[in-house]
Amino acid sequence: MKRAVLLAGLIAGCGTADQSLMPLQVGQSARYAVSADFIRFIGEVKVVRRSAVAGLDGFVLSGPMGESHVAWKGDTLIGDRFSNTRFEPAIPLVVGTDEPVQRTWKGSVQGAWGKYDAVATLAQRRVQEVDGKKLDAIKSELTITSPNRKAIKLVTTFRPGIGIHSQRQWVGGDSIAEIERISGS
């Protein structure tokens, strides 16, 4: 049972300074190299519309792996729906700061496999290198755990003013999906 939390390759647009790690604007798009389920392809993700996310004004992103519903809540990017997974309350994905951050989350995770209670830790820090390339980025590591369930780990690198540069997801230690930004508008 796969729990694809992959954020449909979140993309960048124009936003305010504190939201520069993931600026969002309807119509923006980006292309990503995607590796999932033993296949590789190029996929486009687009911000298709505005939508309520956890009671906030947010955005829906659509791509080959489904839809993601995200919003900025103050300095924190949160999400409540990703492809086939829902989070209640919305889960933190990144905090708009250069400083190291650690946040915790407690709530429920729901998908085709059912619903369960979970806890999560978001740890992020600034990095100067990503996959052997010199880049100024924020690396966010989100780990979701629950008794009797395989842990879900999502590692995302955000480039200020650009959005997601790369993202990798593991379930129970097995890599299930990877994306890397190729281009964007």
N, C-alpha and C. Protein backbone atom coordinates (compact mmCIF):
# COMPACT_ATOMS: atom_id res chain seq x y z
N MET A 1 0.85 -1.17 0.00
CA MET A 1 0.00 0.00 0.00
C MET A 1 0.90 1.23 0.00
N LYS A 2 0.78 1.98 -1.03
CA LYS A 2 1.63 3.14 -1.23
C LYS A 2 0.94 4.38 -0.68
N ARG A 3 1.67 5.21 0.00
CA ARG A 3 1.12 6.44 0.54
C ARG A 3 1.83 7.61 -0.11
N ALA A 4 1.51 7.91 -1.34
CA ALA A 4 2.20 8.95 -2.09
C ALA A 4 1.83 10.33 -1.58
N VAL A 5 2.75 10.93 -0.86
CA VAL A 5 2.56 12.27 -0.34
C VAL A 5 3.24 13.26 -1.28
N LEU A 6 3.99 12.77 -2.24
CA LEU A 6 4.73 13.64 -3.13
C LEU A 6 3.88 14.81 -3.54
N LEU A 7 4.39 15.99 -3.40
CA LEU A 7 3.62 17.20 -3.54
C LEU A 7 3.30 17.59 -4.97
N ALA A 8 3.17 16.64 -5.84
CA ALA A 8 2.85 16.91 -7.25
C ALA A 8 3.83 17.91 -7.82
N GLY A 9 5.05 17.91 -7.31
CA GLY A 9 6.07 18.79 -7.82
C GLY A 9 5.69 20.25 -7.66
N LEU A 10 5.50 20.72 -6.45
CA LEU A 10 5.12 22.10 -6.22
C LEU A 10 5.98 23.05 -7.03
N ILE A 11 5.40 24.17 -7.44
CA ILE A 11 6.10 25.07 -8.34
C ILE A 11 6.09 26.50 -7.85
N ALA A 12 6.82 27.35 -8.53
CA ALA A 12 7.01 28.72 -8.08
C ALA A 12 6.29 29.73 -8.94
N GLY A 13 6.05 30.88 -8.35
CA GLY A 13 5.49 32.02 -9.05
C GLY A 13 5.94 33.27 -8.33
N CYS A 14 5.11 34.28 -8.25
CA CYS A 14 5.46 35.51 -7.55
C CYS A 14 4.80 35.50 -6.19
N GLY A 15 5.51 35.93 -5.16
CA GLY A 15 4.93 35.95 -3.83
C GLY A 15 5.60 36.99 -2.97
N THR A 16 5.21 37.08 -1.72
CA THR A 16 5.79 38.05 -0.82
C THR A 16 7.10 37.52 -0.29
N ALA A 17 7.91 38.42 0.29
CA ALA A 17 9.27 38.08 0.72
C ALA A 17 9.30 36.89 1.68
N ASP A 18 8.42 36.84 2.68
CA ASP A 18 8.46 35.75 3.64
C ASP A 18 7.97 34.43 3.04
N GLN A 19 7.42 34.48 1.84
CA GLN A 19 6.93 33.28 1.18
C GLN A 19 7.80 32.94 -0.03
N SER A 20 8.99 33.47 -0.10
CA SER A 20 9.84 33.28 -1.28
C SER A 20 10.32 31.85 -1.46
N LEU A 21 10.28 31.03 -0.42
CA LEU A 21 10.69 29.64 -0.59
C LEU A 21 9.70 28.86 -1.45
N MET A 22 8.45 29.31 -1.50
CA MET A 22 7.44 28.67 -2.32
C MET A 22 6.42 29.70 -2.76
N PRO A 23 6.84 30.65 -3.59
CA PRO A 23 5.87 31.63 -4.08
C PRO A 23 4.88 30.96 -5.02
N LEU A 24 3.63 31.36 -4.96
CA LEU A 24 2.58 30.71 -5.74
C LEU A 24 1.73 31.73 -6.49
N GLN A 25 1.38 31.41 -7.73
CA GLN A 25 0.50 32.26 -8.53
C GLN A 25 -0.21 31.39 -9.55
N VAL A 26 -1.52 31.56 -9.69
CA VAL A 26 -2.29 30.78 -10.67
C VAL A 26 -1.68 30.98 -12.06
N GLY A 27 -1.53 29.87 -12.78
CA GLY A 27 -0.99 29.90 -14.13
C GLY A 27 0.48 29.54 -14.21
N GLN A 28 1.20 29.64 -13.10
CA GLN A 28 2.63 29.28 -13.11
C GLN A 28 2.77 27.78 -13.34
N SER A 29 3.85 27.39 -13.99
CA SER A 29 4.09 25.96 -14.22
C SER A 29 5.58 25.67 -14.16
N ALA A 30 5.89 24.41 -13.98
CA ALA A 30 7.28 23.95 -13.96
C ALA A 30 7.33 22.53 -14.48
N ARG A 31 8.47 22.19 -15.02
CA ARG A 31 8.69 20.82 -15.50
C ARG A 31 9.68 20.14 -14.58
N TYR A 32 9.41 18.86 -14.31
CA TYR A 32 10.23 18.07 -13.41
C TYR A 32 10.58 16.74 -14.05
N ALA A 33 11.79 16.27 -13.79
CA ALA A 33 12.15 14.89 -14.10
C ALA A 33 11.60 14.07 -12.94
N VAL A 34 10.81 13.05 -13.23
CA VAL A 34 10.14 12.26 -12.22
C VAL A 34 10.58 10.80 -12.31
N SER A 35 10.89 10.20 -11.18
CA SER A 35 11.17 8.77 -11.09
C SER A 35 10.22 8.20 -10.05
N ALA A 36 9.35 7.29 -10.48
CA ALA A 36 8.39 6.67 -9.57
C ALA A 36 7.95 5.34 -10.15
N ASP A 37 7.75 4.36 -9.30
CA ASP A 37 7.27 3.05 -9.74
C ASP A 37 8.12 2.48 -10.87
N PHE A 38 9.42 2.61 -10.76
CA PHE A 38 10.37 2.07 -11.74
C PHE A 38 10.25 2.69 -13.13
N ILE A 39 9.61 3.85 -13.22
CA ILE A 39 9.55 4.54 -14.50
C ILE A 39 10.11 5.95 -14.35
N ARG A 40 10.58 6.52 -15.46
CA ARG A 40 11.11 7.87 -15.47
C ARG A 40 10.37 8.63 -16.56
N PHE A 41 10.01 9.87 -16.26
CA PHE A 41 9.36 10.70 -17.26
C PHE A 41 9.51 12.17 -16.88
N ILE A 42 9.16 13.05 -17.82
CA ILE A 42 9.13 14.48 -17.58
C ILE A 42 7.67 14.85 -17.37
N GLY A 43 7.40 15.55 -16.28
CA GLY A 43 6.02 15.94 -15.99
C GLY A 43 5.93 17.43 -15.73
N GLU A 44 4.79 18.00 -16.09
CA GLU A 44 4.55 19.42 -15.83
C GLU A 44 3.55 19.55 -14.70
N VAL A 45 3.83 20.49 -13.82
CA VAL A 45 2.93 20.79 -12.71
C VAL A 45 2.52 22.25 -12.86
N LYS A 46 1.24 22.50 -12.67
CA LYS A 46 0.72 23.85 -12.86
C LYS A 46 -0.15 24.25 -11.67
N VAL A 47 -0.04 25.52 -11.28
CA VAL A 47 -0.96 26.07 -10.28
C VAL A 47 -2.25 26.37 -11.04
N VAL A 48 -3.29 25.56 -10.80
CA VAL A 48 -4.49 25.63 -11.62
C VAL A 48 -5.58 26.56 -11.08
N ARG A 49 -5.63 26.74 -9.76
CA ARG A 49 -6.67 27.61 -9.21
C ARG A 49 -6.41 27.89 -7.73
N ARG A 50 -7.15 28.88 -7.24
CA ARG A 50 -7.15 29.17 -5.82
C ARG A 50 -8.19 28.27 -5.16
N SER A 51 -7.96 27.94 -3.91
CA SER A 51 -8.89 27.07 -3.19
C SER A 51 -8.65 27.24 -1.69
N ALA A 52 -9.68 26.99 -0.92
CA ALA A 52 -9.53 27.01 0.54
C ALA A 52 -8.66 25.83 0.97
N VAL A 53 -7.71 26.11 1.83
CA VAL A 53 -6.84 25.09 2.40
C VAL A 53 -6.78 25.36 3.90
N ALA A 54 -7.34 24.45 4.67
CA ALA A 54 -7.36 24.61 6.13
C ALA A 54 -7.93 25.96 6.53
N GLY A 55 -8.96 26.42 5.82
CA GLY A 55 -9.60 27.68 6.14
C GLY A 55 -8.86 28.91 5.65
N LEU A 56 -7.79 28.72 4.87
CA LEU A 56 -6.99 29.83 4.35
C LEU A 56 -7.13 29.92 2.83
N ASP A 57 -6.74 31.05 2.29
CA ASP A 57 -6.71 31.22 0.84
C ASP A 57 -5.47 30.50 0.31
N GLY A 58 -5.67 29.40 -0.41
CA GLY A 58 -4.55 28.61 -0.88
C GLY A 58 -4.63 28.34 -2.37
N PHE A 59 -3.88 27.32 -2.80
CA PHE A 59 -3.76 27.01 -4.21
C PHE A 59 -3.85 25.50 -4.45
N VAL A 60 -4.32 25.15 -5.65
CA VAL A 60 -4.34 23.76 -6.08
C VAL A 60 -3.29 23.62 -7.19
N LEU A 61 -2.39 22.67 -7.01
CA LEU A 61 -1.37 22.36 -8.00
C LEU A 61 -1.72 21.02 -8.61
N SER A 62 -1.63 20.93 -9.93
CA SER A 62 -2.01 19.70 -10.61
C SER A 62 -0.85 19.23 -11.48
N GLY A 63 -0.59 17.93 -11.40
CA GLY A 63 0.48 17.34 -12.19
C GLY A 63 0.21 15.87 -12.41
N PRO A 64 1.16 15.18 -13.01
CA PRO A 64 0.95 13.77 -13.35
C PRO A 64 0.75 12.85 -12.14
N MET A 65 1.12 13.29 -10.94
CA MET A 65 0.95 12.46 -9.75
C MET A 65 -0.27 12.87 -8.94
N GLY A 66 -1.11 13.77 -9.50
CA GLY A 66 -2.33 14.18 -8.81
C GLY A 66 -2.32 15.64 -8.44
N GLU A 67 -3.20 15.99 -7.50
CA GLU A 67 -3.33 17.37 -7.05
C GLU A 67 -2.79 17.53 -5.64
N SER A 68 -2.27 18.74 -5.38
CA SER A 68 -1.82 19.13 -4.05
C SER A 68 -2.53 20.42 -3.68
N HIS A 69 -2.95 20.54 -2.42
CA HIS A 69 -3.64 21.73 -1.92
C HIS A 69 -2.76 22.33 -0.83
N VAL A 70 -2.22 23.53 -1.10
CA VAL A 70 -1.28 24.15 -0.17
C VAL A 70 -1.63 25.62 0.06
N ALA A 71 -1.16 26.16 1.19
CA ALA A 71 -1.37 27.58 1.52
C ALA A 71 -0.27 28.03 2.47
N TRP A 72 -0.02 29.32 2.46
CA TRP A 72 0.88 29.90 3.45
C TRP A 72 0.05 30.30 4.67
N LYS A 73 0.47 29.84 5.84
CA LYS A 73 -0.15 30.24 7.11
C LYS A 73 0.94 30.98 7.87
N GLY A 74 0.93 32.30 7.75
CA GLY A 74 2.02 33.09 8.32
C GLY A 74 3.30 32.77 7.57
N ASP A 75 4.31 32.31 8.30
CA ASP A 75 5.60 31.98 7.68
C ASP A 75 5.72 30.50 7.31
N THR A 76 4.64 29.73 7.43
CA THR A 76 4.70 28.28 7.22
C THR A 76 3.83 27.83 6.05
N LEU A 77 4.44 27.10 5.11
CA LEU A 77 3.68 26.48 4.03
C LEU A 77 3.06 25.21 4.58
N ILE A 78 1.73 25.11 4.45
CA ILE A 78 1.02 23.93 4.95
C ILE A 78 0.28 23.27 3.80
N GLY A 79 -0.06 22.01 3.98
CA GLY A 79 -0.84 21.30 3.00
C GLY A 79 -1.84 20.39 3.68
N ASP A 80 -3.02 20.26 3.08
CA ASP A 80 -4.00 19.35 3.67
C ASP A 80 -4.38 18.20 2.74
N ARG A 81 -4.03 18.29 1.44
CA ARG A 81 -4.32 17.19 0.51
C ARG A 81 -3.19 17.07 -0.50
N PHE A 82 -2.77 15.82 -0.74
CA PHE A 82 -1.74 15.50 -1.72
C PHE A 82 -2.12 14.20 -2.40
N SER A 83 -2.30 14.22 -3.69
CA SER A 83 -2.64 13.02 -4.46
C SER A 83 -3.71 12.21 -3.75
N ASN A 84 -3.30 11.14 -3.08
CA ASN A 84 -4.27 10.25 -2.45
C ASN A 84 -4.23 10.31 -0.92
N THR A 85 -3.74 11.42 -0.35
CA THR A 85 -3.57 11.52 1.10
C THR A 85 -4.13 12.84 1.62
N ARG A 86 -4.83 12.77 2.76
CA ARG A 86 -5.34 13.97 3.43
C ARG A 86 -4.76 14.04 4.84
N PHE A 87 -4.52 15.27 5.31
CA PHE A 87 -3.99 15.50 6.64
C PHE A 87 -4.93 16.44 7.39
N GLU A 88 -5.24 16.06 8.66
CA GLU A 88 -6.08 16.89 9.52
C GLU A 88 -5.43 16.99 10.88
N PRO A 89 -4.99 18.15 11.34
CA PRO A 89 -4.98 19.42 10.61
C PRO A 89 -3.93 19.40 9.49
N ALA A 90 -3.90 20.48 8.72
CA ALA A 90 -2.92 20.59 7.63
C ALA A 90 -1.51 20.44 8.21
N ILE A 91 -0.62 19.83 7.44
CA ILE A 91 0.73 19.51 7.90
C ILE A 91 1.72 20.57 7.41
N PRO A 92 2.70 20.96 8.26
CA PRO A 92 3.69 21.94 7.82
C PRO A 92 4.70 21.31 6.86
N LEU A 93 5.07 22.08 5.81
CA LEU A 93 5.99 21.58 4.79
C LEU A 93 7.33 22.32 4.80
N VAL A 94 7.30 23.62 5.06
CA VAL A 94 8.52 24.42 5.15
C VAL A 94 8.17 25.73 5.85
N VAL A 95 9.16 26.31 6.50
CA VAL A 95 8.99 27.60 7.18
C VAL A 95 9.85 28.62 6.44
N GLY A 96 9.28 29.77 6.14
CA GLY A 96 9.99 30.81 5.39
C GLY A 96 11.02 31.54 6.20
N THR A 97 12.14 30.87 6.48
CA THR A 97 13.24 31.47 7.23
C THR A 97 14.56 30.83 6.81
N ASP A 98 15.65 31.56 7.01
CA ASP A 98 16.98 31.02 6.76
C ASP A 98 17.52 30.25 7.97
N GLU A 99 16.88 30.45 9.10
CA GLU A 99 17.34 29.83 10.35
C GLU A 99 16.92 28.36 10.42
N PRO A 100 17.69 27.53 11.13
CA PRO A 100 17.27 26.13 11.34
C PRO A 100 15.94 26.11 12.10
N VAL A 101 15.09 25.15 11.74
CA VAL A 101 13.75 25.06 12.33
C VAL A 101 13.44 23.61 12.65
N GLN A 102 12.71 23.41 13.74
CA GLN A 102 12.15 22.10 14.02
C GLN A 102 10.73 22.33 14.53
N ARG A 103 9.76 21.68 13.88
CA ARG A 103 8.36 21.79 14.26
C ARG A 103 7.79 20.39 14.40
N THR A 104 6.74 20.29 15.19
CA THR A 104 6.06 19.00 15.33
C THR A 104 4.61 19.16 14.90
N TRP A 105 4.01 18.05 14.54
CA TRP A 105 2.62 18.01 14.09
C TRP A 105 2.00 16.74 14.68
N LYS A 106 0.73 16.83 15.01
CA LYS A 106 -0.01 15.66 15.48
C LYS A 106 -1.39 15.74 14.87
N GLY A 107 -1.84 14.64 14.27
CA GLY A 107 -3.15 14.65 13.65
C GLY A 107 -3.47 13.32 13.01
N SER A 108 -4.34 13.36 11.99
CA SER A 108 -4.73 12.13 11.31
C SER A 108 -4.32 12.19 9.84
N VAL A 109 -4.03 10.99 9.34
CA VAL A 109 -3.66 10.79 7.94
C VAL A 109 -4.73 9.87 7.36
N GLN A 110 -5.26 10.24 6.20
CA GLN A 110 -6.33 9.45 5.61
C GLN A 110 -6.08 9.24 4.12
N GLY A 111 -6.36 8.01 3.67
CA GLY A 111 -6.24 7.68 2.26
C GLY A 111 -7.05 6.44 1.96
N ALA A 112 -6.83 5.86 0.79
CA ALA A 112 -7.57 4.66 0.37
C ALA A 112 -7.37 3.49 1.34
N TRP A 113 -6.25 3.48 2.05
CA TRP A 113 -5.92 2.41 2.99
C TRP A 113 -6.62 2.59 4.33
N GLY A 114 -7.29 3.74 4.55
CA GLY A 114 -7.97 4.00 5.81
C GLY A 114 -7.47 5.27 6.46
N LYS A 115 -7.74 5.39 7.74
CA LYS A 115 -7.37 6.58 8.50
C LYS A 115 -6.62 6.15 9.75
N TYR A 116 -5.59 6.91 10.11
CA TYR A 116 -4.85 6.60 11.33
C TYR A 116 -4.28 7.88 11.93
N ASP A 117 -4.00 7.82 13.24
CA ASP A 117 -3.37 8.94 13.94
C ASP A 117 -1.87 8.85 13.75
N ALA A 118 -1.23 10.03 13.65
CA ALA A 118 0.21 10.06 13.41
C ALA A 118 0.81 11.30 14.06
N VAL A 119 2.12 11.28 14.18
CA VAL A 119 2.89 12.45 14.59
C VAL A 119 3.94 12.68 13.51
N ALA A 120 4.37 13.93 13.40
CA ALA A 120 5.39 14.25 12.40
C ALA A 120 6.36 15.26 12.96
N THR A 121 7.56 15.23 12.41
CA THR A 121 8.59 16.21 12.73
C THR A 121 9.05 16.84 11.44
N LEU A 122 9.08 18.16 11.42
CA LEU A 122 9.64 18.92 10.30
C LEU A 122 10.95 19.52 10.79
N ALA A 123 12.04 19.18 10.13
CA ALA A 123 13.35 19.75 10.46
C ALA A 123 13.90 20.36 9.17
N GLN A 124 14.33 21.60 9.26
CA GLN A 124 14.88 22.24 8.06
C GLN A 124 16.11 23.06 8.40
N ARG A 125 16.94 23.24 7.36
CA ARG A 125 18.16 24.03 7.51
C ARG A 125 18.60 24.53 6.14
N ARG A 126 19.41 25.56 6.15
CA ARG A 126 19.98 26.09 4.91
C ARG A 126 21.12 25.19 4.48
N VAL A 127 21.21 24.93 3.17
CA VAL A 127 22.31 24.14 2.61
C VAL A 127 22.91 24.91 1.44
N GLN A 128 24.15 24.62 1.15
CA GLN A 128 24.85 25.27 0.05
C GLN A 128 25.12 24.32 -1.11
N GLU A 129 24.72 23.06 -0.94
CA GLU A 129 24.94 22.06 -1.97
C GLU A 129 23.76 21.09 -1.99
N VAL A 130 23.29 20.76 -3.21
CA VAL A 130 22.19 19.82 -3.37
C VAL A 130 22.59 18.84 -4.47
N ASP A 131 22.65 17.56 -4.12
CA ASP A 131 23.02 16.52 -5.08
C ASP A 131 24.31 16.84 -5.81
N GLY A 132 25.30 17.33 -5.07
CA GLY A 132 26.61 17.63 -5.64
C GLY A 132 26.70 18.94 -6.39
N LYS A 133 25.60 19.70 -6.45
CA LYS A 133 25.59 20.99 -7.14
C LYS A 133 25.58 22.10 -6.11
N LYS A 134 26.37 23.15 -6.38
CA LYS A 134 26.38 24.31 -5.48
C LYS A 134 25.09 25.10 -5.69
N LEU A 135 24.25 25.11 -4.67
CA LEU A 135 22.98 25.82 -4.71
C LEU A 135 22.67 26.37 -3.32
N ASP A 136 22.12 27.56 -3.26
CA ASP A 136 21.63 28.11 -2.01
C ASP A 136 20.20 27.63 -1.85
N ALA A 137 19.94 26.82 -0.86
CA ALA A 137 18.61 26.21 -0.71
C ALA A 137 18.28 25.95 0.75
N ILE A 138 17.01 25.68 0.98
CA ILE A 138 16.54 25.23 2.30
C ILE A 138 16.14 23.78 2.14
N LYS A 139 16.70 22.93 2.98
CA LYS A 139 16.38 21.50 2.95
C LYS A 139 15.40 21.22 4.08
N SER A 140 14.24 20.69 3.70
CA SER A 140 13.17 20.39 4.64
C SER A 140 13.01 18.87 4.71
N GLU A 141 13.02 18.32 5.92
CA GLU A 141 12.82 16.88 6.12
C GLU A 141 11.59 16.68 6.99
N LEU A 142 10.56 16.07 6.40
CA LEU A 142 9.31 15.80 7.10
C LEU A 142 9.21 14.30 7.30
N THR A 143 9.11 13.87 8.56
CA THR A 143 9.00 12.45 8.89
C THR A 143 7.69 12.23 9.63
N ILE A 144 6.85 11.35 9.07
CA ILE A 144 5.54 11.05 9.64
C ILE A 144 5.57 9.63 10.18
N THR A 145 5.23 9.46 11.47
CA THR A 145 5.27 8.14 12.09
C THR A 145 3.96 7.84 12.81
N SER A 146 3.70 6.53 12.93
CA SER A 146 2.53 6.04 13.64
C SER A 146 2.81 4.59 14.03
N PRO A 147 2.35 4.16 15.22
CA PRO A 147 2.55 2.76 15.58
C PRO A 147 1.92 1.84 14.53
N ASN A 148 2.59 0.75 14.24
CA ASN A 148 2.09 -0.26 13.30
C ASN A 148 1.95 0.23 11.86
N ARG A 149 2.61 1.34 11.53
CA ARG A 149 2.61 1.86 10.15
C ARG A 149 4.05 2.15 9.76
N LYS A 150 4.33 2.02 8.47
CA LYS A 150 5.66 2.38 7.98
C LYS A 150 5.80 3.89 8.00
N ALA A 151 6.99 4.36 8.41
CA ALA A 151 7.25 5.80 8.44
C ALA A 151 7.29 6.34 7.01
N ILE A 152 6.80 7.55 6.86
CA ILE A 152 6.86 8.26 5.59
C ILE A 152 7.87 9.39 5.78
N LYS A 153 8.82 9.50 4.86
CA LYS A 153 9.80 10.57 4.93
C LYS A 153 9.80 11.32 3.61
N LEU A 154 9.70 12.65 3.69
CA LEU A 154 9.68 13.51 2.53
C LEU A 154 10.80 14.54 2.70
N VAL A 155 11.78 14.52 1.80
CA VAL A 155 12.89 15.47 1.85
C VAL A 155 12.78 16.38 0.62
N THR A 156 12.64 17.67 0.89
CA THR A 156 12.43 18.65 -0.17
C THR A 156 13.46 19.76 -0.06
N THR A 157 14.02 20.16 -1.20
CA THR A 157 14.89 21.34 -1.21
C THR A 157 14.16 22.46 -1.94
N PHE A 158 14.08 23.60 -1.26
CA PHE A 158 13.42 24.79 -1.78
C PHE A 158 14.48 25.83 -2.11
N ARG A 159 14.38 26.45 -3.28
CA ARG A 159 15.28 27.54 -3.65
C ARG A 159 14.52 28.86 -3.53
N PRO A 160 15.06 29.80 -2.75
CA PRO A 160 14.38 31.08 -2.58
C PRO A 160 14.06 31.73 -3.93
N GLY A 161 12.82 32.19 -4.07
CA GLY A 161 12.37 32.83 -5.29
C GLY A 161 12.00 31.87 -6.41
N ILE A 162 12.28 30.58 -6.23
CA ILE A 162 12.05 29.57 -7.26
C ILE A 162 10.96 28.58 -6.83
N GLY A 163 11.09 28.04 -5.64
CA GLY A 163 10.19 27.00 -5.16
C GLY A 163 10.94 25.69 -5.02
N ILE A 164 10.26 24.58 -5.27
CA ILE A 164 10.87 23.27 -5.08
C ILE A 164 11.91 22.99 -6.16
N HIS A 165 13.11 22.66 -5.71
CA HIS A 165 14.19 22.24 -6.62
C HIS A 165 14.16 20.73 -6.79
N SER A 166 14.04 20.02 -5.67
CA SER A 166 13.98 18.56 -5.73
C SER A 166 13.20 18.04 -4.54
N GLN A 167 12.74 16.78 -4.69
CA GLN A 167 11.97 16.16 -3.62
C GLN A 167 12.12 14.65 -3.73
N ARG A 168 12.28 14.00 -2.57
CA ARG A 168 12.38 12.54 -2.51
C ARG A 168 11.47 12.03 -1.41
N GLN A 169 10.86 10.88 -1.67
CA GLN A 169 9.95 10.30 -0.68
C GLN A 169 10.30 8.84 -0.44
N TRP A 170 10.27 8.47 0.84
CA TRP A 170 10.48 7.09 1.25
C TRP A 170 9.29 6.63 2.09
N VAL A 171 8.95 5.36 1.99
CA VAL A 171 7.96 4.74 2.87
C VAL A 171 8.65 3.52 3.46
N GLY A 172 8.78 3.53 4.79
CA GLY A 172 9.44 2.43 5.47
C GLY A 172 10.87 2.22 5.02
N GLY A 173 11.56 3.27 4.63
CA GLY A 173 12.94 3.17 4.19
C GLY A 173 13.11 2.87 2.71
N ASP A 174 12.03 2.56 2.01
CA ASP A 174 12.10 2.30 0.57
C ASP A 174 11.80 3.57 -0.21
N SER A 175 12.70 3.94 -1.12
CA SER A 175 12.48 5.10 -1.97
C SER A 175 11.35 4.80 -2.95
N ILE A 176 10.33 5.67 -2.98
CA ILE A 176 9.22 5.41 -3.88
C ILE A 176 9.05 6.48 -4.96
N ALA A 177 9.61 7.67 -4.75
CA ALA A 177 9.45 8.71 -5.76
C ALA A 177 10.52 9.78 -5.60
N GLU A 178 10.92 10.36 -6.74
CA GLU A 178 11.88 11.46 -6.76
C GLU A 178 11.48 12.42 -7.87
N ILE A 179 11.66 13.72 -7.61
CA ILE A 179 11.48 14.71 -8.66
C ILE A 179 12.63 15.69 -8.62
N GLU A 180 12.97 16.27 -9.78
CA GLU A 180 13.99 17.32 -9.85
C GLU A 180 13.55 18.33 -10.89
N ARG A 181 13.58 19.59 -10.51
CA ARG A 181 13.14 20.68 -11.38
C ARG A 181 14.03 20.79 -12.60
N ILE A 182 13.39 20.93 -13.76
CA ILE A 182 14.10 21.13 -15.03
C ILE A 182 13.95 22.57 -15.48
N SER A 183 12.71 23.10 -15.43
CA SER A 183 12.44 24.47 -15.86
C SER A 183 11.14 24.95 -15.27
N GLY A 184 10.88 26.25 -15.37
CA GLY A 184 9.62 26.78 -14.87
C GLY A 184 9.35 28.16 -15.42
N SER A 185 8.09 28.57 -15.27
CA SER A 185 7.70 29.91 -15.74
C SER A 185 7.23 30.76 -14.58
